[in-house]
Amino acid sequence: MVTTREVFAAIAGLCFLGGAVAARFDRSVAGSWLFAAGSAFATLWSLLSIGLPDPGTRALSAEAYLAMAGMAVTGTIYYGYRAASSDPPT
């Protein structure tokens, strides 16, 4: 059975992959939106990893998941701002 965290991780990975492909083919604004969406899903994944730990499958500490959530929120804000202002990522 697939868990919610696994679904969020897969969606985040696909968004990041799509963003990289879009940026490669000169669709920078679309790539920025996909990077922002991927970062948002990564935020949800890391927060769920803190809130809903499965016994025995938790690979990192709560502090590490919180640090990843902070980094993902920063990415969401950064890429969302870049996409909203039509400024391609560098």
Protein backbone atom coordinates (compact mmCIF):
# COMPACT_ATOMS: atom_id res chain seq x y z
CA MET A 1 0.00 0.00 0.00
CA VAL A 2 1.26 3.46 -0.88
CA THR A 3 1.32 6.04 1.89
CA THR A 4 0.46 9.72 1.60
CA ARG A 5 4.08 10.66 2.21
CA GLU A 6 5.22 8.48 -0.68
CA VAL A 7 2.68 10.14 -2.97
CA PHE A 8 3.86 13.63 -1.95
CA ALA A 9 7.48 12.58 -2.49
CA ALA A 10 6.70 11.21 -5.96
CA ILE A 11 4.74 14.33 -6.96
CA ALA A 12 7.57 16.58 -5.70
CA GLY A 13 10.12 14.59 -7.68
CA LEU A 14 8.03 14.76 -10.84
CA CYS A 15 7.54 18.51 -10.43
CA PHE A 16 11.30 19.02 -9.99
CA LEU A 17 12.01 16.85 -13.02
CA GLY A 18 9.42 18.73 -15.09
CA GLY A 19 10.87 22.05 -13.95
CA ALA A 20 14.37 21.02 -15.01
CA VAL A 21 13.11 19.85 -18.42
CA ALA A 22 11.07 23.03 -18.90
CA ALA A 23 14.06 25.22 -18.02
CA ARG A 24 16.21 23.23 -20.42
CA PHE A 25 13.80 23.92 -23.30
CA ASP A 26 13.60 27.69 -22.65
CA ARG A 27 10.29 27.55 -20.76
CA SER A 28 11.80 29.23 -17.72
CA VAL A 29 8.62 30.66 -16.20
CA ALA A 30 6.85 27.31 -16.43
CA GLY A 31 9.95 25.72 -14.93
CA SER A 32 9.83 28.18 -12.03
CA TRP A 33 6.18 27.33 -11.35
CA LEU A 34 7.02 23.62 -11.40
CA PHE A 35 9.96 24.16 -9.03
CA ALA A 36 7.65 26.12 -6.70
CA ALA A 37 5.07 23.32 -6.80
CA GLY A 38 7.75 20.70 -6.18
CA SER A 39 9.04 22.66 -3.20
CA ALA A 40 5.50 22.95 -1.83
CA PHE A 41 4.99 19.19 -2.07
CA ALA A 42 8.40 18.63 -0.48
CA THR A 43 7.27 20.87 2.39
CA LEU A 44 4.14 18.78 2.86
CA TRP A 45 6.17 15.58 2.73
CA SER A 46 8.62 16.71 5.39
CA LEU A 47 5.88 18.04 7.68
CA LEU A 48 3.99 14.76 7.38
CA SER A 49 7.20 12.93 8.21
CA ILE A 50 7.26 14.83 11.51
CA GLY A 51 3.56 14.55 12.28
CA LEU A 52 2.82 11.00 11.15
CA PRO A 53 5.90 8.88 11.78
CA ASP A 54 5.65 5.18 11.05
CA PRO A 55 7.26 3.08 13.76
CA GLY A 56 10.58 1.70 12.60
CA THR A 57 10.66 3.49 9.24
CA ARG A 58 11.73 6.95 10.36
CA ALA A 59 15.14 7.51 8.81
CA LEU A 60 15.86 10.97 10.21
CA SER A 61 15.22 12.88 13.39
CA ALA A 62 12.38 15.36 13.74
CA GLU A 63 14.92 18.21 13.68
CA ALA A 64 16.25 17.05 10.31
CA TYR A 65 12.74 16.85 8.83
CA LEU A 66 12.04 20.34 10.22
CA ALA A 67 15.22 21.66 8.59
CA MET A 68 14.14 20.15 5.27
CA ALA A 69 10.70 21.73 5.66
CA GLY A 70 12.32 25.12 6.21
CA MET A 71 14.47 24.69 3.13
CA ALA A 72 11.47 23.62 1.05
CA VAL A 73 9.41 26.62 2.22
CA THR A 74 12.28 28.87 1.21
CA GLY A 75 12.35 27.23 -2.24
CA THR A 76 8.61 27.65 -2.60
CA ILE A 77 8.82 31.36 -1.83
CA TYR A 78 11.87 31.89 -4.05
CA TYR A 79 10.63 30.06 -7.13
CA GLY A 80 7.08 31.34 -6.66
CA TYR A 81 8.36 34.90 -6.61
CA ARG A 82 10.54 34.29 -9.67
CA ALA A 83 7.62 32.76 -11.56
CA ALA A 84 5.15 35.48 -10.57
CA SER A 85 7.54 38.20 -11.73
CA SER A 86 8.35 36.27 -14.96
CA ASP A 87 12.00 36.24 -14.00
CA PRO A 88 13.65 32.95 -15.03
CA PRO A 89 15.70 31.04 -12.47
CA THR A 90 19.45 31.35 -12.76
